[in-house]
Amino acid sequence: MKSSERKCSFCSKTVTEVKKLIVGAEGSICDYCVAVCYVVLENGGVEMIRTFEKVKSDFAKLNDQQ
């Protein structure tokens, strides 16, 4: 697969649509999906949706600043 065709195995965004793409032997994960995974691991399922929305908002603000 060409590097320009690589995409996140979780959200299917291409390498050109994300800031970072971590590529492994069997799949890839983008910076946004890593942030979502962090929220899930830190907060568990009960608070996941509420916290996910906050992370999503914070992530958007961070991207706007750069």
PDB file of N, CA and C in Angstrom:
ATOM      1  N   MET A   1       0.833  -1.179   0.000  1.00  0.00           N
ATOM      2  CA  MET A   1       0.000   0.000   0.000  1.00  0.00           C
ATOM      3  C   MET A   1       0.883   1.249   0.000  1.00  0.00           C
ATOM      4  N   LYS A   2       0.553   2.188  -0.854  1.00  0.00           N
ATOM      5  CA  LYS A   2       1.289   3.448  -0.918  1.00  0.00           C
ATOM      6  C   LYS A   2       1.046   4.236   0.365  1.00  0.00           C
ATOM      7  N   SER A   3       2.033   5.020   0.788  1.00  0.00           N
ATOM      8  CA  SER A   3       1.874   5.801   2.018  1.00  0.00           C
ATOM      9  C   SER A   3       0.714   6.784   1.913  1.00  0.00           C
ATOM     10  N   SER A   4       0.412   7.292   0.725  1.00  0.00           N
ATOM     11  CA  SER A   4      -0.695   8.235   0.543  1.00  0.00           C
ATOM     12  C   SER A   4      -2.059   7.551   0.664  1.00  0.00           C
ATOM     13  N   GLU A   5      -2.095   6.216   0.584  1.00  0.00           N
ATOM     14  CA  GLU A   5      -3.343   5.461   0.680  1.00  0.00           C
ATOM     15  C   GLU A   5      -3.606   4.949   2.090  1.00  0.00           C
ATOM     16  N   ARG A   6      -2.653   5.123   2.995  1.00  0.00           N
ATOM     17  CA  ARG A   6      -2.825   4.617   4.353  1.00  0.00           C
ATOM     18  C   ARG A   6      -3.961   5.337   5.047  1.00  0.00           C
ATOM     19  N   LYS A   7      -4.680   4.589   5.908  1.00  0.00           N
ATOM     20  CA  LYS A   7      -5.784   5.179   6.651  1.00  0.00           C
ATOM     21  C   LYS A   7      -5.901   4.522   8.021  1.00  0.00           C
ATOM     22  N   CYS A   8      -6.594   5.197   8.909  1.00  0.00           N
ATOM     23  CA  CYS A   8      -6.817   4.700  10.261  1.00  0.00           C
ATOM     24  C   CYS A   8      -7.721   3.464  10.201  1.00  0.00           C
ATOM     25  N   SER A   9      -7.339   2.427  10.896  1.00  0.00           N
ATOM     26  CA  SER A   9      -8.126   1.198  10.926  1.00  0.00           C
ATOM     27  C   SER A   9      -9.414   1.358  11.722  1.00  0.00           C
ATOM     28  N   PHE A  10      -9.520   2.419  12.518  1.00  0.00           N
ATOM     29  CA  PHE A  10     -10.682   2.620  13.369  1.00  0.00           C
ATOM     30  C   PHE A  10     -11.703   3.574  12.758  1.00  0.00           C
ATOM     31  N   CYS A  11     -11.262   4.725  12.245  1.00  0.00           N
ATOM     32  CA  CYS A  11     -12.203   5.726  11.716  1.00  0.00           C
ATOM     33  C   CYS A  11     -12.130   5.878  10.198  1.00  0.00           C
ATOM     34  N   SER A  12     -11.169   5.232   9.573  1.00  0.00           N
ATOM     35  CA  SER A  12     -10.981   5.227   8.117  1.00  0.00           C
ATOM     36  C   SER A  12     -10.531   6.559   7.528  1.00  0.00           C
ATOM     37  N   LYS A  13     -10.099   7.509   8.370  1.00  0.00           N
ATOM     38  CA  LYS A  13      -9.556   8.755   7.826  1.00  0.00           C
ATOM     39  C   LYS A  13      -8.210   8.455   7.183  1.00  0.00           C
ATOM     40  N   THR A  14      -7.937   9.133   6.088  1.00  0.00           N
ATOM     41  CA  THR A  14      -6.681   8.904   5.378  1.00  0.00           C
ATOM     42  C   THR A  14      -5.545   9.678   6.041  1.00  0.00           C
ATOM     43  N   VAL A  15      -4.347   9.354   5.653  1.00  0.00           N
ATOM     44  CA  VAL A  15      -3.159   9.996   6.218  1.00  0.00           C
ATOM     45  C   VAL A  15      -3.178  11.504   5.981  1.00  0.00           C
ATOM     46  N   THR A  16      -3.835  11.943   4.928  1.00  0.00           N
ATOM     47  CA  THR A  16      -3.911  13.383   4.644  1.00  0.00           C
ATOM     48  C   THR A  16      -4.979  14.092   5.476  1.00  0.00           C
ATOM     49  N   GLU A  17      -5.864  13.340   6.119  1.00  0.00           N
ATOM     50  CA  GLU A  17      -6.944  13.921   6.918  1.00  0.00           C
ATOM     51  C   GLU A  17      -6.617  14.017   8.410  1.00  0.00           C
ATOM     52  N   VAL A  18      -5.489  13.459   8.827  1.00  0.00           N
ATOM     53  CA  VAL A  18      -5.129  13.445  10.247  1.00  0.00           C
ATOM     54  C   VAL A  18      -3.764  14.091  10.452  1.00  0.00           C
ATOM     55  N   LYS A  19      -3.476  14.442  11.702  1.00  0.00           N
ATOM     56  CA  LYS A  19      -2.166  15.030  11.997  1.00  0.00           C
ATOM     57  C   LYS A  19      -1.084  13.953  12.070  1.00  0.00           C
ATOM     58  N   LYS A  20      -1.418  12.833  12.719  1.00  0.00           N
ATOM     59  CA  LYS A  20      -0.466  11.735  12.885  1.00  0.00           C
ATOM     60  C   LYS A  20      -1.173  10.419  12.600  1.00  0.00           C
ATOM     61  N   LEU A  21      -0.445   9.492  12.010  1.00  0.00           N
ATOM     62  CA  LEU A  21      -0.967   8.155  11.767  1.00  0.00           C
ATOM     63  C   LEU A  21       0.108   7.168  12.181  1.00  0.00           C
ATOM     64  N   ILE A  22      -0.199   6.374  13.196  1.00  0.00           N
ATOM     65  CA  ILE A  22       0.739   5.355  13.668  1.00  0.00           C
ATOM     66  C   ILE A  22       0.451   4.086  12.883  1.00  0.00           C
ATOM     67  N   VAL A  23       1.454   3.619  12.153  1.00  0.00           N
ATOM     68  CA  VAL A  23       1.275   2.479  11.260  1.00  0.00           C
ATOM     69  C   VAL A  23       1.986   1.268  11.837  1.00  0.00           C
ATOM     70  N   GLY A  24       1.241   0.172  11.951  1.00  0.00           N
ATOM     71  CA  GLY A  24       1.796  -1.096  12.423  1.00  0.00           C
ATOM     72  C   GLY A  24       1.723  -2.139  11.329  1.00  0.00           C
ATOM     73  N   ALA A  25       2.147  -3.333  11.660  1.00  0.00           N
ATOM     74  CA  ALA A  25       2.166  -4.423  10.681  1.00  0.00           C
ATOM     75  C   ALA A  25       0.757  -4.830  10.235  1.00  0.00           C
ATOM     76  N   GLU A  26      -0.213  -4.736  11.137  1.00  0.00           N
ATOM     77  CA  GLU A  26      -1.559  -5.214  10.831  1.00  0.00           C
ATOM     78  C   GLU A  26      -2.612  -4.115  10.742  1.00  0.00           C
ATOM     79  N   GLY A  27      -2.251  -2.865  11.025  1.00  0.00           N
ATOM     80  CA  GLY A  27      -3.235  -1.790  10.984  1.00  0.00           C
ATOM     81  C   GLY A  27      -2.619  -0.465  11.380  1.00  0.00           C
ATOM     82  N   SER A  28      -3.469   0.558  11.424  1.00  0.00           N
ATOM     83  CA  SER A  28      -3.023   1.916  11.747  1.00  0.00           C
ATOM     84  C   SER A  28      -4.034   2.573  12.670  1.00  0.00           C
ATOM     85  N   ILE A  29      -3.562   3.590  13.410  1.00  0.00           N
ATOM     86  CA  ILE A  29      -4.454   4.370  14.264  1.00  0.00           C
ATOM     87  C   ILE A  29      -4.027   5.833  14.203  1.00  0.00           C
ATOM     88  N   CYS A  30      -5.018   6.714  14.095  1.00  0.00           N
ATOM     89  CA  CYS A  30      -4.722   8.145  13.995  1.00  0.00           C
ATOM     90  C   CYS A  30      -4.676   8.779  15.385  1.00  0.00           C
ATOM     91  N   ASP A  31      -4.184  10.012  15.431  1.00  0.00           N
ATOM     92  CA  ASP A  31      -4.060  10.735  16.689  1.00  0.00           C
ATOM     93  C   ASP A  31      -5.416  10.939  17.366  1.00  0.00           C
ATOM     94  N   TYR A  32      -6.455  11.159  16.608  1.00  0.00           N
ATOM     95  CA  TYR A  32      -7.781  11.358  17.183  1.00  0.00           C
ATOM     96  C   TYR A  32      -8.276  10.074  17.856  1.00  0.00           C
ATOM     97  N   CYS A  33      -8.122   8.944  17.203  1.00  0.00           N
ATOM     98  CA  CYS A  33      -8.574   7.677  17.781  1.00  0.00           C
ATOM     99  C   CYS A  33      -7.744   7.295  19.004  1.00  0.00           C
ATOM    100  N   VAL A  34      -6.476   7.677  19.028  1.00  0.00           N
ATOM    101  CA  VAL A  34      -5.661   7.466  20.225  1.00  0.00           C
ATOM    102  C   VAL A  34      -6.258   8.259  21.382  1.00  0.00           C
ATOM    103  N   ALA A  35      -6.664   9.512  21.120  1.00  0.00           N
ATOM    104  CA  ALA A  35      -7.279  10.336  22.160  1.00  0.00           C
ATOM    105  C   ALA A  35      -8.576   9.715  22.674  1.00  0.00           C
ATOM    106  N   VAL A  36      -9.372   9.171  21.784  1.00  0.00           N
ATOM    107  CA  VAL A  36     -10.619   8.516  22.176  1.00  0.00           C
ATOM    108  C   VAL A  36     -10.308   7.291  23.038  1.00  0.00           C
ATOM    109  N   CYS A  37      -9.330   6.504  22.647  1.00  0.00           N
ATOM    110  CA  CYS A  37      -8.941   5.322  23.420  1.00  0.00           C
ATOM    111  C   CYS A  37      -8.476   5.716  24.816  1.00  0.00           C
ATOM    112  N   TYR A  38      -7.731   6.800  24.907  1.00  0.00           N
ATOM    113  CA  TYR A  38      -7.267   7.294  26.197  1.00  0.00           C
ATOM    114  C   TYR A  38      -8.455   7.600  27.101  1.00  0.00           C
ATOM    115  N   VAL A  39      -9.456   8.276  26.559  1.00  0.00           N
ATOM    116  CA  VAL A  39     -10.652   8.615  27.339  1.00  0.00           C
ATOM    117  C   VAL A  39     -11.339   7.350  27.827  1.00  0.00           C
ATOM    118  N   VAL A  40     -11.488   6.374  26.970  1.00  0.00           N
ATOM    119  CA  VAL A  40     -12.153   5.128  27.337  1.00  0.00           C
ATOM    120  C   VAL A  40     -11.387   4.435  28.465  1.00  0.00           C
ATOM    121  N   LEU A  41     -10.071   4.351  28.350  1.00  0.00           N
ATOM    122  CA  LEU A  41      -9.268   3.675  29.356  1.00  0.00           C
ATOM    123  C   LEU A  41      -9.258   4.428  30.685  1.00  0.00           C
ATOM    124  N   GLU A  42      -9.225   5.737  30.637  1.00  0.00           N
ATOM    125  CA  GLU A  42      -9.171   6.538  31.857  1.00  0.00           C
ATOM    126  C   GLU A  42     -10.515   6.643  32.564  1.00  0.00           C
ATOM    127  N   ASN A  43     -11.606   6.649  31.826  1.00  0.00           N
ATOM    128  CA  ASN A  43     -12.906   6.946  32.416  1.00  0.00           C
ATOM    129  C   ASN A  43     -13.894   5.788  32.418  1.00  0.00           C
ATOM    130  N   GLY A  44     -13.577   4.723  31.756  1.00  0.00           N
ATOM    131  CA  GLY A  44     -14.489   3.595  31.716  1.00  0.00           C
ATOM    132  C   GLY A  44     -15.742   3.904  30.913  1.00  0.00           C
ATOM    133  N   GLY A  45     -16.636   2.961  30.839  1.00  0.00           N
ATOM    134  CA  GLY A  45     -17.819   3.079  30.005  1.00  0.00           C
ATOM    135  C   GLY A  45     -18.864   4.061  30.493  1.00  0.00           C
ATOM    136  N   VAL A  46     -19.019   4.244  31.806  1.00  0.00           N
ATOM    137  CA  VAL A  46     -20.093   5.078  32.338  1.00  0.00           C
ATOM    138  C   VAL A  46     -19.953   6.539  31.923  1.00  0.00           C
ATOM    139  N   GLU A  47     -18.771   7.085  32.051  1.00  0.00           N
ATOM    140  CA  GLU A  47     -18.540   8.491  31.723  1.00  0.00           C
ATOM    141  C   GLU A  47     -17.983   8.676  30.312  1.00  0.00           C
ATOM    142  N   MET A  48     -17.860   7.599  29.581  1.00  0.00           N
ATOM    143  CA  MET A  48     -17.176   7.647  28.296  1.00  0.00           C
ATOM    144  C   MET A  48     -17.799   8.648  27.323  1.00  0.00           C
ATOM    145  N   ILE A  49     -19.089   8.622  27.135  1.00  0.00           N
ATOM    146  CA  ILE A  49     -19.716   9.477  26.129  1.00  0.00           C
ATOM    147  C   ILE A  49     -19.566  10.948  26.502  1.00  0.00           C
ATOM    148  N   ARG A  50     -19.841  11.288  27.760  1.00  0.00           N
ATOM    149  CA  ARG A  50     -19.729  12.676  28.206  1.00  0.00           C
ATOM    150  C   ARG A  50     -18.300  13.174  28.049  1.00  0.00           C
ATOM    151  N   THR A  51     -17.344  12.358  28.455  1.00  0.00           N
ATOM    152  CA  THR A  51     -15.947  12.745  28.375  1.00  0.00           C
ATOM    153  C   THR A  51     -15.485  12.785  26.924  1.00  0.00           C
ATOM    154  N   PHE A  52     -15.969  11.862  26.115  1.00  0.00           N
ATOM    155  CA  PHE A  52     -15.611  11.841  24.702  1.00  0.00           C
ATOM    156  C   PHE A  52     -15.992  13.156  24.030  1.00  0.00           C
ATOM    157  N   GLU A  53     -17.169  13.659  24.340  1.00  0.00           N
ATOM    158  CA  GLU A  53     -17.618  14.921  23.749  1.00  0.00           C
ATOM    159  C   GLU A  53     -16.711  16.068  24.173  1.00  0.00           C
ATOM    160  N   LYS A  54     -16.257  16.059  25.442  1.00  0.00           N
ATOM    161  CA  LYS A  54     -15.342  17.102  25.902  1.00  0.00           C
ATOM    162  C   LYS A  54     -14.002  16.989  25.185  1.00  0.00           C
ATOM    163  N   VAL A  55     -13.478  15.775  25.055  1.00  0.00           N
ATOM    164  CA  VAL A  55     -12.207  15.574  24.361  1.00  0.00           C
ATOM    165  C   VAL A  55     -12.334  15.990  22.905  1.00  0.00           C
ATOM    166  N   LYS A  56     -13.444  15.652  22.292  1.00  0.00           N
ATOM    167  CA  LYS A  56     -13.684  16.025  20.902  1.00  0.00           C
ATOM    168  C   LYS A  56     -13.649  17.547  20.756  1.00  0.00           C
ATOM    169  N   SER A  57     -14.296  18.247  21.681  1.00  0.00           N
ATOM    170  CA  SER A  57     -14.306  19.704  21.660  1.00  0.00           C
ATOM    171  C   SER A  57     -12.908  20.266  21.909  1.00  0.00           C
ATOM    172  N   ASP A  58     -12.209  19.725  22.915  1.00  0.00           N
ATOM    173  CA  ASP A  58     -10.855  20.179  23.231  1.00  0.00           C
ATOM    174  C   ASP A  58      -9.900  19.911  22.069  1.00  0.00           C
ATOM    175  N   PHE A  59     -10.065  18.777  21.425  1.00  0.00           N
ATOM    176  CA  PHE A  59      -9.225  18.402  20.291  1.00  0.00           C
ATOM    177  C   PHE A  59      -9.438  19.382  19.133  1.00  0.00           C
ATOM    178  N   ALA A  60     -10.694  19.754  18.894  1.00  0.00           N
ATOM    179  CA  ALA A  60     -11.006  20.707  17.829  1.00  0.00           C
ATOM    180  C   ALA A  60     -10.376  22.070  18.129  1.00  0.00           C
ATOM    181  N   LYS A  61     -10.449  22.491  19.392  1.00  0.00           N
ATOM    182  CA  LYS A  61      -9.841  23.763  19.796  1.00  0.00           C
ATOM    183  C   LYS A  61      -8.341  23.717  19.608  1.00  0.00           C
ATOM    184  N   LEU A  62      -7.725  22.610  19.972  1.00  0.00           N
ATOM    185  CA  LEU A  62      -6.282  22.450  19.824  1.00  0.00           C
ATOM    186  C   LEU A  62      -5.885  22.534  18.350  1.00  0.00           C
ATOM    187  N   ASN A  63      -6.631  21.891  17.489  1.00  0.00           N
ATOM    188  CA  ASN A  63      -6.353  21.929  16.046  1.00  0.00           C
ATOM    189  C   ASN A  63      -6.510  23.333  15.487  1.00  0.00           C
ATOM    190  N   ASP A  64      -7.476  24.083  16.012  1.00  0.00           N
ATOM    191  CA  ASP A  64      -7.691  25.461  15.558  1.00  0.00           C
ATOM    192  C   ASP A  64      -6.531  26.365  15.933  1.00  0.00           C
ATOM    193  N   GLN A  65      -5.869  26.063  17.045  1.00  0.00           N
ATOM    194  CA  GLN A  65      -4.751  26.885  17.509  1.00  0.00           C
ATOM    195  C   GLN A  65      -3.495  26.668  16.692  1.00  0.00           C
ATOM    196  N   GLN A  66      -3.392  25.521  16.039  1.00  0.00           N
ATOM    197  CA  GLN A  66      -2.158  25.182  15.318  1.00  0.00           C
ATOM    198  C   GLN A  66      -2.208  25.586  13.889  1.00  0.00           C
TER     199      GLN A  66
END
